Amino acid sequence: LGLTSEGWCNVMPITYVEEGKTVQIQKITGKDKLRSHLANMGFVEKGNITVIQRVAGNMILEVKGTRVAIDEALANRIMV
């Protein structure tokens, strides 16, 4: 849970978002190298991403018009 000017809000990993939903990235967790790697793929705070599909625990996400497949461990670092 985080505190915003509007009050409390829920922040959760992208892995909890339903297929077809578009959400805004609130935070990327992890070490600098991991956050940099995700940023290079287009995953940046305040950026929008869409959950396209889940396949065998992995996720296909659309970010900046490109579909990207990531594993569940990496997806759990993307907080929305």
Protein backbone atom coordinates (compact mmCIF):
# COMPACT_ATOMS: atom_id res chain seq x y z
CA LEU A 1 0.00 0.00 0.00
CA GLY A 2 1.19 3.46 -0.79
CA LEU A 3 0.05 6.93 0.19
CA THR A 4 -0.87 9.42 -2.51
CA SER A 5 -2.29 12.93 -2.30
CA GLU A 6 -5.74 11.36 -2.84
CA GLY A 7 -5.26 8.90 0.05
CA TRP A 8 -4.31 5.23 0.20
CA CYS A 9 -3.96 3.25 -2.99
CA ASN A 10 -3.22 -0.38 -3.73
CA VAL A 11 -0.05 -1.27 -5.58
CA MET A 12 0.37 -4.83 -6.83
CA PRO A 13 2.57 -6.82 -9.22
CA ILE A 14 1.47 -6.97 -12.86
CA THR A 15 0.98 -10.73 -12.35
CA TYR A 16 -2.34 -9.95 -10.60
CA VAL A 17 -3.79 -8.01 -13.55
CA GLU A 18 -6.36 -9.68 -15.80
CA GLU A 19 -5.68 -10.37 -19.48
CA GLY A 20 -6.80 -7.49 -21.69
CA LYS A 21 -6.36 -4.80 -19.01
CA THR A 22 -4.12 -1.77 -19.48
CA VAL A 23 -2.49 -0.36 -16.35
CA GLN A 24 0.13 2.23 -15.42
CA ILE A 25 3.46 1.21 -13.92
CA GLN A 26 3.87 2.72 -10.45
CA LYS A 27 7.26 1.30 -9.52
CA ILE A 28 9.93 -1.15 -10.68
CA THR A 29 11.52 -3.06 -7.81
CA GLY A 30 14.88 -4.83 -7.73
CA LYS A 31 18.53 -3.98 -8.16
CA ASP A 32 19.75 -1.24 -10.51
CA LYS A 33 20.83 -3.72 -13.19
CA LEU A 34 17.39 -5.34 -13.27
CA ARG A 35 15.55 -2.00 -13.33
CA SER A 36 17.84 -0.80 -16.12
CA HIS A 37 17.18 -3.99 -18.11
CA LEU A 38 13.40 -3.51 -17.78
CA ALA A 39 13.71 0.19 -18.69
CA ASN A 40 15.59 -0.79 -21.87
CA MET A 41 12.60 -2.97 -22.80
CA GLY A 42 10.25 -0.01 -22.27
CA PHE A 43 9.04 -0.72 -18.74
CA VAL A 44 9.30 2.68 -17.03
CA GLU A 45 7.41 4.29 -14.16
CA LYS A 46 4.20 6.04 -15.27
CA GLY A 47 4.28 4.09 -18.55
CA ASN A 48 1.25 2.07 -19.63
CA ILE A 49 1.34 -1.68 -20.22
CA THR A 50 -1.32 -4.15 -21.35
CA VAL A 51 -1.53 -7.77 -20.26
CA ILE A 52 -1.98 -9.73 -23.50
CA GLN A 53 -1.70 -13.34 -22.37
CA ARG A 54 -0.37 -15.76 -19.77
CA VAL A 55 1.49 -18.82 -21.04
CA ALA A 56 2.83 -21.49 -18.66
CA GLY A 57 3.50 -18.99 -15.87
CA ASN A 58 5.06 -16.43 -18.22
CA MET A 59 3.38 -13.26 -19.43
CA ILE A 60 3.07 -11.53 -22.76
CA LEU A 61 2.78 -7.78 -22.22
CA GLU A 62 2.42 -4.91 -24.65
CA VAL A 63 4.54 -1.88 -23.92
CA LYS A 64 4.95 1.08 -26.27
CA GLY A 65 3.31 -0.83 -29.12
CA THR A 66 5.60 -3.87 -28.79
CA ARG A 67 4.75 -7.28 -27.35
CA VAL A 68 7.28 -8.59 -24.84
CA ALA A 69 7.38 -11.99 -23.14
CA ILE A 70 8.76 -12.10 -19.59
CA ASP A 71 8.86 -14.74 -16.89
CA GLU A 72 6.80 -14.56 -13.73
CA ALA A 73 9.78 -13.62 -11.50
CA LEU A 74 10.51 -10.58 -13.67
CA ALA A 75 6.82 -9.68 -13.93
CA ASN A 76 6.58 -9.64 -10.12
CA ARG A 77 9.06 -6.72 -10.12
CA ILE A 78 6.65 -4.53 -12.11
CA MET A 79 4.28 -2.83 -9.67
CA VAL A 80 1.05 -1.30 -10.96
